[in-house]
Amino acid sequence: MARHLKIEPKDFDPAAYGLPPAARHP
């Protein structure tokens, strides 16, 4: 649940947030 509160760049999953892969943070 904490993933929604704290999003690490390495753990960021655009698909989980309905975002396209291109929206990923570097």
Protein backbone atom coordinates (compact mmCIF):
# COMPACT_ATOMS: atom_id res chain seq x y z
CA MET A 1 0.00 0.00 0.00
CA ALA A 2 2.92 2.29 0.75
CA ARG A 3 3.84 2.18 -2.92
CA HIS A 4 1.10 4.68 -3.63
CA LEU A 5 2.52 7.03 -1.02
CA LYS A 6 6.19 6.64 -1.87
CA ILE A 7 7.11 6.00 -5.48
CA GLU A 8 10.75 5.22 -6.07
CA PRO A 9 12.08 5.70 -9.63
CA LYS A 10 13.28 2.08 -9.59
CA ASP A 11 9.88 0.85 -8.39
CA PHE A 12 7.79 3.15 -10.55
CA ASP A 13 5.46 1.08 -12.73
CA PRO A 14 3.65 3.27 -15.29
CA ALA A 15 1.30 0.39 -16.13
CA ALA A 16 0.11 0.35 -12.52
CA TYR A 17 -0.91 3.98 -12.83
CA GLY A 18 -2.43 3.71 -16.30
CA LEU A 19 0.48 5.57 -17.86
CA PRO A 20 2.32 4.77 -21.09
CA PRO A 21 5.87 3.36 -20.81
CA ALA A 22 7.19 6.66 -22.20
CA ALA A 23 5.92 8.41 -19.06
CA ARG A 24 8.47 6.58 -16.92
CA HIS A 25 10.80 8.72 -14.85
CA PRO A 26 14.53 8.33 -15.57
